[in-house]
Amino acid sequence: MSFSAMLSAPSYASASDCVGGNGTNDSYQTCTTVEGTGLRVNRWQTSTYSSLGGQNVYARFYVNGKRVHTVKKYTGAPKRLAVNFPGKLPRKYRDGTRLCNVWSVNKRYKSCITVHK
């Protein structure tokens, strides 16, 4: 699997995309990280930094623009939040599939990875 970024591991590719914000602890930043081989995705994670405390925060997972999962995460204090794709993995996607994430704390930022051979 070729993504926009690759690690030097011999059999796994990884890509990470972060949008919005000014740094790693900015509540307006959304990140998507995907790992896999070929067109197969073994791990799909999204993260954000939430400045909210004592609230539910939602991470939404999209495949080619269609929402496929929503994960509720409770944040007791401002902190970095991360969740893994709750569906069955590993999973094979078609060449050119876009995997995206949006968090409820920063809905205007959508982070995406495109799966390639």
PDB file of N, CA and C in Angstrom:
ATOM      1  N   MET A   1       0.845  -1.140   0.000  1.00  0.00           N
ATOM      2  CA  MET A   1       0.000   0.000   0.000  1.00  0.00           C
ATOM      3  C   MET A   1       0.897   1.211   0.000  1.00  0.00           C
ATOM      4  N   SER A   2       0.702   2.068  -0.913  1.00  0.00           N
ATOM      5  CA  SER A   2       1.447   3.310  -0.953  1.00  0.00           C
ATOM      6  C   SER A   2       0.545   4.418  -0.477  1.00  0.00           C
ATOM      7  N   PHE A   3       1.037   5.184   0.457  1.00  0.00           N
ATOM      8  CA  PHE A   3       0.300   6.330   0.948  1.00  0.00           C
ATOM      9  C   PHE A   3       1.148   7.549   0.655  1.00  0.00           C
ATOM     10  N   SER A   4       0.707   8.676   1.137  1.00  0.00           N
ATOM     11  CA  SER A   4       1.461   9.893   0.907  1.00  0.00           C
ATOM     12  C   SER A   4       2.772   9.909   1.680  1.00  0.00           C
ATOM     13  N   ALA A   5       2.952   9.010   2.631  1.00  0.00           N
ATOM     14  CA  ALA A   5       4.203   8.905   3.378  1.00  0.00           C
ATOM     15  C   ALA A   5       4.470   7.433   3.639  1.00  0.00           C
ATOM     16  N   MET A   6       5.729   7.032   3.593  1.00  0.00           N
ATOM     17  CA  MET A   6       6.059   5.629   3.832  1.00  0.00           C
ATOM     18  C   MET A   6       7.164   5.529   4.873  1.00  0.00           C
ATOM     19  N   LEU A   7       7.104   4.484   5.689  1.00  0.00           N
ATOM     20  CA  LEU A   7       8.181   4.180   6.619  1.00  0.00           C
ATOM     21  C   LEU A   7       9.134   3.212   5.948  1.00  0.00           C
ATOM     22  N   SER A   8      10.293   3.011   6.520  1.00  0.00           N
ATOM     23  CA  SER A   8      11.291   2.151   5.894  1.00  0.00           C
ATOM     24  C   SER A   8      11.122   0.671   6.224  1.00  0.00           C
ATOM     25  N   ALA A   9      10.071   0.294   6.929  1.00  0.00           N
ATOM     26  CA  ALA A   9       9.838  -1.122   7.217  1.00  0.00           C
ATOM     27  C   ALA A   9       9.647  -1.878   5.910  1.00  0.00           C
ATOM     28  N   PRO A  10      10.189  -3.089   5.799  1.00  0.00           N
ATOM     29  CA  PRO A  10      10.175  -3.788   4.524  1.00  0.00           C
ATOM     30  C   PRO A  10       8.798  -4.196   4.030  1.00  0.00           C
ATOM     31  N   SER A  11       7.835  -4.522   4.910  1.00  0.00           N
ATOM     32  CA  SER A  11       6.569  -5.031   4.408  1.00  0.00           C
ATOM     33  C   SER A  11       5.361  -4.176   4.774  1.00  0.00           C
ATOM     34  N   TYR A  12       5.545  -3.126   5.525  1.00  0.00           N
ATOM     35  CA  TYR A  12       4.427  -2.282   5.915  1.00  0.00           C
ATOM     36  C   TYR A  12       4.637  -0.863   5.410  1.00  0.00           C
ATOM     37  N   ALA A  13       3.567  -0.253   4.987  1.00  0.00           N
ATOM     38  CA  ALA A  13       3.585   1.153   4.618  1.00  0.00           C
ATOM     39  C   ALA A  13       2.737   1.895   5.629  1.00  0.00           C
ATOM     40  N   SER A  14       3.065   3.126   5.869  1.00  0.00           N
ATOM     41  CA  SER A  14       2.316   3.928   6.803  1.00  0.00           C
ATOM     42  C   SER A  14       2.193   5.331   6.256  1.00  0.00           C
ATOM     43  N   ALA A  15       1.070   5.953   6.531  1.00  0.00           N
ATOM     44  CA  ALA A  15       0.864   7.344   6.144  1.00  0.00           C
ATOM     45  C   ALA A  15       0.132   8.044   7.266  1.00  0.00           C
ATOM     46  N   SER A  16       0.448   9.309   7.426  1.00  0.00           N
ATOM     47  CA  SER A  16      -0.210  10.108   8.437  1.00  0.00           C
ATOM     48  C   SER A  16      -0.521  11.467   7.830  1.00  0.00           C
ATOM     49  N   ASP A  17      -1.711  11.954   8.088  1.00  0.00           N
ATOM     50  CA  ASP A  17      -2.120  13.260   7.593  1.00  0.00           C
ATOM     51  C   ASP A  17      -2.747  14.017   8.744  1.00  0.00           C
ATOM     52  N   CYS A  18      -2.271  15.238   8.981  1.00  0.00           N
ATOM     53  CA  CYS A  18      -2.844  16.103  10.002  1.00  0.00           C
ATOM     54  C   CYS A  18      -3.258  17.413   9.347  1.00  0.00           C
ATOM     55  N   VAL A  19      -4.452  17.869   9.673  1.00  0.00           N
ATOM     56  CA  VAL A  19      -4.939  19.122   9.114  1.00  0.00           C
ATOM     57  C   VAL A  19      -5.433  20.027  10.223  1.00  0.00           C
ATOM     58  N   GLY A  20      -5.323  21.321   9.978  1.00  0.00           N
ATOM     59  CA  GLY A  20      -5.784  22.313  10.943  1.00  0.00           C
ATOM     60  C   GLY A  20      -4.799  22.516  12.056  1.00  0.00           C
ATOM     61  N   GLY A  21      -5.058  23.499  12.865  1.00  0.00           N
ATOM     62  CA  GLY A  21      -4.243  23.737  14.046  1.00  0.00           C
ATOM     63  C   GLY A  21      -2.873  24.302  13.757  1.00  0.00           C
ATOM     64  N   ASN A  22      -2.180  24.584  14.841  1.00  0.00           N
ATOM     65  CA  ASN A  22      -0.838  25.154  14.760  1.00  0.00           C
ATOM     66  C   ASN A  22       0.232  24.259  15.363  1.00  0.00           C
ATOM     67  N   GLY A  23      -0.147  23.097  15.881  1.00  0.00           N
ATOM     68  CA  GLY A  23       0.823  22.228  16.524  1.00  0.00           C
ATOM     69  C   GLY A  23       0.155  20.984  17.073  1.00  0.00           C
ATOM     70  N   THR A  24       0.939  20.147  17.737  1.00  0.00           N
ATOM     71  CA  THR A  24       0.435  18.851  18.172  1.00  0.00           C
ATOM     72  C   THR A  24      -0.595  18.938  19.287  1.00  0.00           C
ATOM     73  N   ASN A  25      -0.658  20.016  20.026  1.00  0.00           N
ATOM     74  CA  ASN A  25      -1.644  20.134  21.096  1.00  0.00           C
ATOM     75  C   ASN A  25      -2.700  21.179  20.780  1.00  0.00           C
ATOM     76  N   ASP A  26      -3.000  21.370  19.511  1.00  0.00           N
ATOM     77  CA  ASP A  26      -3.998  22.336  19.097  1.00  0.00           C
ATOM     78  C   ASP A  26      -5.336  21.640  18.923  1.00  0.00           C
ATOM     79  N   SER A  27      -6.387  22.143  19.558  1.00  0.00           N
ATOM     80  CA  SER A  27      -7.686  21.486  19.505  1.00  0.00           C
ATOM     81  C   SER A  27      -8.342  21.569  18.130  1.00  0.00           C
ATOM     82  N   TYR A  28      -7.754  22.291  17.212  1.00  0.00           N
ATOM     83  CA  TYR A  28      -8.323  22.371  15.870  1.00  0.00           C
ATOM     84  C   TYR A  28      -7.560  21.497  14.884  1.00  0.00           C
ATOM     85  N   GLN A  29      -6.849  20.506  15.365  1.00  0.00           N
ATOM     86  CA  GLN A  29      -6.088  19.613  14.498  1.00  0.00           C
ATOM     87  C   GLN A  29      -6.701  18.214  14.512  1.00  0.00           C
ATOM     88  N   THR A  30      -6.852  17.631  13.314  1.00  0.00           N
ATOM     89  CA  THR A  30      -7.320  16.259  13.158  1.00  0.00           C
ATOM     90  C   THR A  30      -6.243  15.472  12.439  1.00  0.00           C
ATOM     91  N   CYS A  31      -5.920  14.279  12.939  1.00  0.00           N
ATOM     92  CA  CYS A  31      -4.909  13.434  12.306  1.00  0.00           C
ATOM     93  C   CYS A  31      -5.494  12.067  11.956  1.00  0.00           C
ATOM     94  N   THR A  32      -5.031  11.517  10.847  1.00  0.00           N
ATOM     95  CA  THR A  32      -5.377  10.167  10.416  1.00  0.00           C
ATOM     96  C   THR A  32      -4.078   9.422  10.178  1.00  0.00           C
ATOM     97  N   THR A  33      -3.962   8.214  10.720  1.00  0.00           N
ATOM     98  CA  THR A  33      -2.786   7.362  10.499  1.00  0.00           C
ATOM     99  C   THR A  33      -3.275   6.007  10.025  1.00  0.00           C
ATOM    100  N   VAL A  34      -2.687   5.528   8.921  1.00  0.00           N
ATOM    101  CA  VAL A  34      -3.072   4.244   8.337  1.00  0.00           C
ATOM    102  C   VAL A  34      -1.808   3.425   8.088  1.00  0.00           C
ATOM    103  N   GLU A  35      -1.874   2.127   8.405  1.00  0.00           N
ATOM    104  CA  GLU A  35      -0.776   1.200   8.133  1.00  0.00           C
ATOM    105  C   GLU A  35      -1.317  -0.008   7.390  1.00  0.00           C
ATOM    106  N   GLY A  36      -0.485  -0.600   6.524  1.00  0.00           N
ATOM    107  CA  GLY A  36      -0.905  -1.791   5.807  1.00  0.00           C
ATOM    108  C   GLY A  36       0.099  -2.237   4.772  1.00  0.00           C
ATOM    109  N   THR A  37      -0.308  -3.221   3.973  1.00  0.00           N
ATOM    110  CA  THR A  37       0.515  -3.726   2.878  1.00  0.00           C
ATOM    111  C   THR A  37      -0.379  -3.875   1.652  1.00  0.00           C
ATOM    112  N   GLY A  38       0.174  -3.590   0.480  1.00  0.00           N
ATOM    113  CA  GLY A  38      -0.638  -3.653  -0.733  1.00  0.00           C
ATOM    114  C   GLY A  38      -1.825  -2.722  -0.580  1.00  0.00           C
ATOM    115  N   LEU A  39      -3.010  -3.214  -0.874  1.00  0.00           N
ATOM    116  CA  LEU A  39      -4.230  -2.427  -0.692  1.00  0.00           C
ATOM    117  C   LEU A  39      -4.931  -2.780   0.616  1.00  0.00           C
ATOM    118  N   ARG A  40      -4.253  -3.562   1.449  1.00  0.00           N
ATOM    119  CA  ARG A  40      -4.822  -4.033   2.707  1.00  0.00           C
ATOM    120  C   ARG A  40      -4.445  -3.079   3.846  1.00  0.00           C
ATOM    121  N   VAL A  41      -5.454  -2.652   4.585  1.00  0.00           N
ATOM    122  CA  VAL A  41      -5.261  -1.778   5.740  1.00  0.00           C
ATOM    123  C   VAL A  41      -5.292  -2.633   6.993  1.00  0.00           C
ATOM    124  N   ASN A  42      -4.211  -2.589   7.758  1.00  0.00           N
ATOM    125  CA  ASN A  42      -4.099  -3.347   9.001  1.00  0.00           C
ATOM    126  C   ASN A  42      -4.451  -2.511  10.231  1.00  0.00           C
ATOM    127  N   ARG A  43      -4.266  -1.193  10.119  1.00  0.00           N
ATOM    128  CA  ARG A  43      -4.515  -0.301  11.261  1.00  0.00           C
ATOM    129  C   ARG A  43      -4.944   1.053  10.720  1.00  0.00           C
ATOM    130  N   TRP A  44      -6.007   1.601  11.315  1.00  0.00           N
ATOM    131  CA  TRP A  44      -6.504   2.923  10.942  1.00  0.00           C
ATOM    132  C   TRP A  44      -6.838   3.640  12.235  1.00  0.00           C
ATOM    133  N   GLN A  45      -6.128   4.713  12.508  1.00  0.00           N
ATOM    134  CA  GLN A  45      -6.310   5.444  13.760  1.00  0.00           C
ATOM    135  C   GLN A  45      -6.501   6.931  13.471  1.00  0.00           C
ATOM    136  N   THR A  46      -7.292   7.579  14.287  1.00  0.00           N
ATOM    137  CA  THR A  46      -7.447   9.026  14.200  1.00  0.00           C
ATOM    138  C   THR A  46      -7.207   9.631  15.574  1.00  0.00           C
ATOM    139  N   SER A  47      -6.715  10.868  15.581  1.00  0.00           N
ATOM    140  CA  SER A  47      -6.454  11.537  16.854  1.00  0.00           C
ATOM    141  C   SER A  47      -6.738  13.031  16.725  1.00  0.00           C
ATOM    142  N   THR A  48      -6.934  13.636  17.876  1.00  0.00           N
ATOM    143  CA  THR A  48      -7.111  15.079  17.977  1.00  0.00           C
ATOM    144  C   THR A  48      -6.726  15.494  19.386  1.00  0.00           C
ATOM    145  N   TYR A  49      -6.550  16.774  19.585  1.00  0.00           N
ATOM    146  CA  TYR A  49      -6.383  17.297  20.941  1.00  0.00           C
ATOM    147  C   TYR A  49      -7.658  18.045  21.269  1.00  0.00           C
ATOM    148  N   SER A  50      -8.328  17.640  22.334  1.00  0.00           N
ATOM    149  CA  SER A  50      -9.563  18.290  22.733  1.00  0.00           C
ATOM    150  C   SER A  50      -9.314  19.221  23.905  1.00  0.00           C
ATOM    151  N   SER A  51      -9.733  20.461  23.752  1.00  0.00           N
ATOM    152  CA  SER A  51      -9.615  21.422  24.851  1.00  0.00           C
ATOM    153  C   SER A  51     -10.832  21.342  25.770  1.00  0.00           C
ATOM    154  N   LEU A  52     -11.759  20.448  25.442  1.00  0.00           N
ATOM    155  CA  LEU A  52     -12.962  20.270  26.255  1.00  0.00           C
ATOM    156  C   LEU A  52     -12.698  19.323  27.415  1.00  0.00           C
ATOM    157  N   GLY A  53     -13.420  19.506  28.483  1.00  0.00           N
ATOM    158  CA  GLY A  53     -13.364  18.593  29.614  1.00  0.00           C
ATOM    159  C   GLY A  53     -14.779  18.216  30.025  1.00  0.00           C
ATOM    160  N   GLY A  54     -14.964  16.963  30.442  1.00  0.00           N
ATOM    161  CA  GLY A  54     -16.250  16.513  30.922  1.00  0.00           C
ATOM    162  C   GLY A  54     -17.320  16.421  29.843  1.00  0.00           C
ATOM    163  N   GLN A  55     -16.917  16.112  28.620  1.00  0.00           N
ATOM    164  CA  GLN A  55     -17.879  16.011  27.527  1.00  0.00           C
ATOM    165  C   GLN A  55     -17.594  14.794  26.656  1.00  0.00           C
ATOM    166  N   ASN A  56     -18.620  14.380  25.909  1.00  0.00           N
ATOM    167  CA  ASN A  56     -18.433  13.344  24.901  1.00  0.00           C
ATOM    168  C   ASN A  56     -17.924  13.995  23.621  1.00  0.00           C
ATOM    169  N   VAL A  57     -16.948  13.359  23.017  1.00  0.00           N
ATOM    170  CA  VAL A  57     -16.365  13.802  21.758  1.00  0.00           C
ATOM    171  C   VAL A  57     -16.526  12.650  20.782  1.00  0.00           C
ATOM    172  N   TYR A  58     -16.816  12.954  19.530  1.00  0.00           N
ATOM    173  CA  TYR A  58     -17.084  11.912  18.546  1.00  0.00           C
ATOM    174  C   TYR A  58     -16.053  11.931  17.428  1.00  0.00           C
ATOM    175  N   ALA A  59     -15.552  10.749  17.085  1.00  0.00           N
ATOM    176  CA  ALA A  59     -14.653  10.582  15.931  1.00  0.00           C
ATOM    177  C   ALA A  59     -15.459   9.885  14.848  1.00  0.00           C
ATOM    178  N   ARG A  60     -15.427  10.439  13.649  1.00  0.00           N
ATOM    179  CA  ARG A  60     -16.174   9.853  12.538  1.00  0.00           C
ATOM    180  C   ARG A  60     -15.215   9.335  11.484  1.00  0.00           C
ATOM    181  N   PHE A  61     -15.492   8.129  10.986  1.00  0.00           N
ATOM    182  CA  PHE A  61     -14.675   7.462   9.975  1.00  0.00           C
ATOM    183  C   PHE A  61     -15.451   7.438   8.652  1.00  0.00           C
ATOM    184  N   TYR A  62     -14.792   7.862   7.570  1.00  0.00           N
ATOM    185  CA  TYR A  62     -15.412   7.927   6.249  1.00  0.00           C
ATOM    186  C   TYR A  62     -14.609   7.109   5.244  1.00  0.00           C
ATOM    187  N   VAL A  63     -15.303   6.404   4.361  1.00  0.00           N
ATOM    188  CA  VAL A  63     -14.686   5.713   3.231  1.00  0.00           C
ATOM    189  C   VAL A  63     -15.315   6.304   1.979  1.00  0.00           C
ATOM    190  N   ASN A  64     -14.491   6.950   1.160  1.00  0.00           N
ATOM    191  CA  ASN A  64     -14.957   7.620  -0.064  1.00  0.00           C
ATOM    192  C   ASN A  64     -16.157   8.526   0.196  1.00  0.00           C
ATOM    193  N   GLY A  65     -16.091   9.298   1.281  1.00  0.00           N
ATOM    194  CA  GLY A  65     -17.123  10.273   1.588  1.00  0.00           C
ATOM    195  C   GLY A  65     -18.329   9.738   2.329  1.00  0.00           C
ATOM    196  N   LYS A  66     -18.427   8.432   2.513  1.00  0.00           N
ATOM    197  CA  LYS A  66     -19.566   7.840   3.226  1.00  0.00           C
ATOM    198  C   LYS A  66     -19.143   7.505   4.657  1.00  0.00           C
ATOM    199  N   ARG A  67     -19.902   8.009   5.624  1.00  0.00           N
ATOM    200  CA  ARG A  67     -19.574   7.712   7.020  1.00  0.00           C
ATOM    201  C   ARG A  67     -19.873   6.248   7.298  1.00  0.00           C
ATOM    202  N   VAL A  68     -18.857   5.527   7.813  1.00  0.00           N
ATOM    203  CA  VAL A  68     -19.003   4.101   8.075  1.00  0.00           C
ATOM    204  C   VAL A  68     -19.000   3.771   9.566  1.00  0.00           C
ATOM    205  N   HIS A  69     -18.452   4.642  10.393  1.00  0.00           N
ATOM    206  CA  HIS A  69     -18.424   4.416  11.841  1.00  0.00           C
ATOM    207  C   HIS A  69     -18.327   5.744  12.570  1.00  0.00           C
ATOM    208  N   THR A  70     -18.889   5.762  13.773  1.00  0.00           N
ATOM    209  CA  THR A  70     -18.736   6.886  14.697  1.00  0.00           C
ATOM    210  C   THR A  70     -18.352   6.291  16.044  1.00  0.00           C
ATOM    211  N   VAL A  71     -17.328   6.855  16.665  1.00  0.00           N
ATOM    212  CA  VAL A  71     -16.869   6.383  17.973  1.00  0.00           C
ATOM    213  C   VAL A  71     -17.032   7.518  18.976  1.00  0.00           C
ATOM    214  N   LYS A  72     -17.695   7.214  20.096  1.00  0.00           N
ATOM    215  CA  LYS A  72     -17.855   8.195  21.162  1.00  0.00           C
ATOM    216  C   LYS A  72     -16.724   8.016  22.158  1.00  0.00           C
ATOM    217  N   LYS A  73     -16.102   9.117  22.511  1.00  0.00           N
ATOM    218  CA  LYS A  73     -14.994   9.094  23.470  1.00  0.00           C
ATOM    219  C   LYS A  73     -15.295  10.162  24.525  1.00  0.00           C
ATOM    220  N   TYR A  74     -15.251   9.781  25.786  1.00  0.00           N
ATOM    221  CA  TYR A  74     -15.475  10.741  26.865  1.00  0.00           C
ATOM    222  C   TYR A  74     -14.141  11.366  27.245  1.00  0.00           C
ATOM    223  N   THR A  75     -14.126  12.670  27.350  1.00  0.00           N
ATOM    224  CA  THR A  75     -12.910  13.347  27.768  1.00  0.00           C
ATOM    225  C   THR A  75     -13.160  14.037  29.107  1.00  0.00           C
ATOM    226  N   GLY A  76     -12.511  13.535  30.134  1.00  0.00           N
ATOM    227  CA  GLY A  76     -12.664  14.094  31.470  1.00  0.00           C
ATOM    228  C   GLY A  76     -11.893  15.389  31.648  1.00  0.00           C
ATOM    229  N   ALA A  77     -10.883  15.604  30.820  1.00  0.00           N
ATOM    230  CA  ALA A  77     -10.048  16.800  30.907  1.00  0.00           C
ATOM    231  C   ALA A  77      -9.487  17.080  29.512  1.00  0.00           C
ATOM    232  N   PRO A  78      -9.027  18.287  29.266  1.00  0.00           N
ATOM    233  CA  PRO A  78      -8.389  18.561  27.973  1.00  0.00           C
ATOM    234  C   PRO A  78      -7.189  17.632  27.774  1.00  0.00           C
ATOM    235  N   LYS A  79      -7.151  16.961  26.626  1.00  0.00           N
ATOM    236  CA  LYS A  79      -6.049  16.032  26.356  1.00  0.00           C
ATOM    237  C   LYS A  79      -6.095  15.556  24.913  1.00  0.00           C
ATOM    238  N   ARG A  80      -5.043  14.842  24.510  1.00  0.00           N
ATOM    239  CA  ARG A  80      -5.003  14.222  23.191  1.00  0.00           C
ATOM    240  C   ARG A  80      -5.844  12.963  23.229  1.00  0.00           C
ATOM    241  N   LEU A  81      -6.699  12.818  22.239  1.00  0.00           N
ATOM    242  CA  LEU A  81      -7.577  11.664  22.128  1.00  0.00           C
ATOM    243  C   LEU A  81      -7.220  10.882  20.879  1.00  0.00           C
ATOM    244  N   ALA A  82      -7.288   9.566  20.955  1.00  0.00           N
ATOM    245  CA  ALA A  82      -7.031   8.721  19.789  1.00  0.00           C
ATOM    246  C   ALA A  82      -7.969   7.524  19.838  1.00  0.00           C
ATOM    247  N   VAL A  83      -8.475   7.132  18.677  1.00  0.00           N
ATOM    248  CA  VAL A  83      -9.310   5.939  18.577  1.00  0.00           C
ATOM    249  C   VAL A  83      -8.949   5.181  17.312  1.00  0.00           C
ATOM    250  N   ASN A  84      -9.087   3.866  17.384  1.00  0.00           N
ATOM    251  CA  ASN A  84      -8.858   3.006  16.225  1.00  0.00           C
ATOM    252  C   ASN A  84     -10.170   2.736  15.508  1.00  0.00           C
ATOM    253  N   PHE A  85     -10.073   2.437  14.222  1.00  0.00           N
ATOM    254  CA  PHE A  85     -11.226   2.065  13.418  1.00  0.00           C
ATOM    255  C   PHE A  85     -11.932   0.905  14.097  1.00  0.00           C
ATOM    256  N   PRO A  86     -13.235   1.026  14.378  1.00  0.00           N
ATOM    257  CA  PRO A  86     -13.932  -0.021  15.117  1.00  0.00           C
ATOM    258  C   PRO A  86     -14.419  -1.182  14.253  1.00  0.00           C
ATOM    259  N   GLY A  87     -14.254  -1.089  12.951  1.00  0.00           N
ATOM    260  CA  GLY A  87     -14.690  -2.169  12.069  1.00  0.00           C
ATOM    261  C   GLY A  87     -13.634  -3.252  11.947  1.00  0.00           C
ATOM    262  N   LYS A  88     -13.945  -4.263  11.174  1.00  0.00           N
ATOM    263  CA  LYS A  88     -13.054  -5.406  10.997  1.00  0.00           C
ATOM    264  C   LYS A  88     -11.827  -5.011  10.159  1.00  0.00           C
ATOM    265  N   LEU A  89     -10.658  -5.242  10.708  1.00  0.00           N
ATOM    266  CA  LEU A  89      -9.383  -5.052  10.013  1.00  0.00           C
ATOM    267  C   LEU A  89      -8.536  -6.286  10.275  1.00  0.00           C
ATOM    268  N   PRO A  90      -7.639  -6.703   9.396  1.00  0.00           N
ATOM    269  CA  PRO A  90      -7.303  -6.034   8.146  1.00  0.00           C
ATOM    270  C   PRO A  90      -8.432  -6.131   7.124  1.00  0.00           C
ATOM    271  N   ARG A  91      -8.407  -5.175   6.210  1.00  0.00           N
ATOM    272  CA  ARG A  91      -9.425  -5.090   5.172  1.00  0.00           C
ATOM    273  C   ARG A  91      -8.779  -4.555   3.901  1.00  0.00           C
ATOM    274  N   LYS A  92      -9.177  -5.111   2.771  1.00  0.00           N
ATOM    275  CA  LYS A  92      -8.637  -4.685   1.488  1.00  0.00           C
ATOM    276  C   LYS A  92      -9.561  -3.636   0.873  1.00  0.00           C
ATOM    277  N   TYR A  93      -8.954  -2.539   0.402  1.00  0.00           N
ATOM    278  CA  TYR A  93      -9.695  -1.463  -0.256  1.00  0.00           C
ATOM    279  C   TYR A  93      -9.248  -1.351  -1.715  1.00  0.00           C
ATOM    280  N   ARG A  94     -10.072  -0.764  -2.533  1.00  0.00           N
ATOM    281  CA  ARG A  94      -9.713  -0.535  -3.933  1.00  0.00           C
ATOM    282  C   ARG A  94      -8.663   0.550  -4.044  1.00  0.00           C
ATOM    283  N   ASP A  95      -7.875   0.486  -5.104  1.00  0.00           N
ATOM    284  CA  ASP A  95      -6.879   1.514  -5.387  1.00  0.00           C
ATOM    285  C   ASP A  95      -7.590   2.864  -5.510  1.00  0.00           C
ATOM    286  N   GLY A  96      -7.101   3.873  -4.814  1.00  0.00           N
ATOM    287  CA  GLY A  96      -7.674   5.212  -4.869  1.00  0.00           C
ATOM    288  C   GLY A  96      -8.732   5.490  -3.811  1.00  0.00           C
ATOM    289  N   THR A  97      -9.009   4.528  -2.933  1.00  0.00           N
ATOM    290  CA  THR A  97      -9.999   4.730  -1.871  1.00  0.00           C
ATOM    291  C   THR A  97      -9.504   5.799  -0.906  1.00  0.00           C
ATOM    292  N   ARG A  98     -10.394   6.714  -0.522  1.00  0.00           N
ATOM    293  CA  ARG A  98     -10.047   7.762   0.441  1.00  0.00           C
ATOM    294  C   ARG A  98     -10.619   7.405   1.804  1.00  0.00           C
ATOM    295  N   LEU A  99      -9.730   7.335   2.799  1.00  0.00           N
ATOM    296  CA  LEU A  99     -10.096   7.067   4.191  1.00  0.00           C
ATOM    297  C   LEU A  99      -9.938   8.377   4.950  1.00  0.00           C
ATOM    298  N   CYS A 100     -11.011   8.856   5.559  1.00  0.00           N
ATOM    299  CA  CYS A 100     -10.997  10.175   6.189  1.00  0.00           C
ATOM    300  C   CYS A 100     -11.561  10.125   7.608  1.00  0.00           C
ATOM    301  N   ASN A 101     -11.181  11.136   8.377  1.00  0.00           N
ATOM    302  CA  ASN A 101     -11.662  11.289   9.746  1.00  0.00           C
ATOM    303  C   ASN A 101     -12.040  12.732  10.031  1.00  0.00           C
ATOM    304  N   VAL A 102     -13.078  12.888  10.847  1.00  0.00           N
ATOM    305  CA  VAL A 102     -13.524  14.186  11.351  1.00  0.00           C
ATOM    306  C   VAL A 102     -13.868  13.992  12.826  1.00  0.00           C
ATOM    307  N   TRP A 103     -13.504  14.948  13.659  1.00  0.00           N
ATOM    308  CA  TRP A 103     -13.855  14.922  15.078  1.00  0.00           C
ATOM    309  C   TRP A 103     -14.897  15.998  15.364  1.00  0.00           C
ATOM    310  N   SER A 104     -15.775  15.730  16.318  1.00  0.00           N
ATOM    311  CA  SER A 104     -16.840  16.680  16.649  1.00  0.00           C
ATOM    312  C   SER A 104     -16.313  17.994  17.214  1.00  0.00           C
ATOM    313  N   VAL A 105     -15.110  18.002  17.778  1.00  0.00           N
ATOM    314  CA  VAL A 105     -14.549  19.236  18.343  1.00  0.00           C
ATOM    315  C   VAL A 105     -13.961  20.154  17.282  1.00  0.00           C
ATOM    316  N   ASN A 106     -13.794  19.645  16.069  1.00  0.00           N
ATOM    317  CA  ASN A 106     -13.231  20.473  14.987  1.00  0.00           C
ATOM    318  C   ASN A 106     -13.789  20.011  13.636  1.00  0.00           C
ATOM    319  N   LYS A 107     -15.087  20.102  13.476  1.00  0.00           N
ATOM    320  CA  LYS A 107     -15.797  19.573  12.316  1.00  0.00           C
ATOM    321  C   LYS A 107     -15.324  20.132  10.981  1.00  0.00           C
ATOM    322  N   ARG A 108     -14.720  21.299  10.987  1.00  0.00           N
ATOM    323  CA  ARG A 108     -14.323  21.888   9.703  1.00  0.00           C
ATOM    324  C   ARG A 108     -13.028  21.300   9.153  1.00  0.00           C
ATOM    325  N   TYR A 109     -12.351  20.453   9.924  1.00  0.00           N
ATOM    326  CA  TYR A 109     -11.105  19.843   9.446  1.00  0.00           C
ATOM    327  C   TYR A 109     -11.285  18.360   9.209  1.00  0.00           C
ATOM    328  N   LYS A 110     -11.111  17.939   7.973  1.00  0.00           N
ATOM    329  CA  LYS A 110     -11.210  16.519   7.602  1.00  0.00           C
ATOM    330  C   LYS A 110      -9.829  16.060   7.154  1.00  0.00           C
ATOM    331  N   SER A 111      -9.311  15.048   7.828  1.00  0.00           N
ATOM    332  CA  SER A 111      -8.004  14.472   7.508  1.00  0.00           C
ATOM    333  C   SER A 111      -8.214  13.213   6.672  1.00  0.00           C
ATOM    334  N   CYS A 112      -7.460  13.066   5.574  1.00  0.00           N
ATOM    335  CA  CYS A 112      -7.677  11.947   4.656  1.00  0.00           C
ATOM    336  C   CYS A 112      -6.374  11.314   4.180  1.00  0.00           C
ATOM    337  N   ILE A 113      -6.450  10.016   3.931  1.00  0.00           N
ATOM    338  CA  ILE A 113      -5.379   9.223   3.315  1.00  0.00           C
ATOM    339  C   ILE A 113      -5.979   8.550   2.087  1.00  0.00           C
ATOM    340  N   THR A 114      -5.225   8.505   0.995  1.00  0.00           N
ATOM    341  CA  THR A 114      -5.664   7.787  -0.196  1.00  0.00           C
ATOM    342  C   THR A 114      -4.869   6.493  -0.316  1.00  0.00           C
ATOM    343  N   VAL A 115      -5.561   5.362  -0.437  1.00  0.00           N
ATOM    344  CA  VAL A 115      -4.932   4.048  -0.554  1.00  0.00           C
ATOM    345  C   VAL A 115      -4.497   3.842  -2.011  1.00  0.00           C
ATOM    346  N   HIS A 116      -3.236   3.449  -2.208  1.00  0.00           N
ATOM    347  CA  HIS A 116      -2.686   3.169  -3.549  1.00  0.00           C
ATOM    348  C   HIS A 116      -1.971   1.839  -3.542  1.00  0.00           C
ATOM    349  N   LYS A 117      -1.838   1.258  -4.747  1.00  0.00           N
ATOM    350  CA  LYS A 117      -1.060   0.024  -4.894  1.00  0.00           C
ATOM    351  C   LYS A 117       0.383   0.323  -4.642  1.00  0.00           C
TER     352      LYS A 117
END
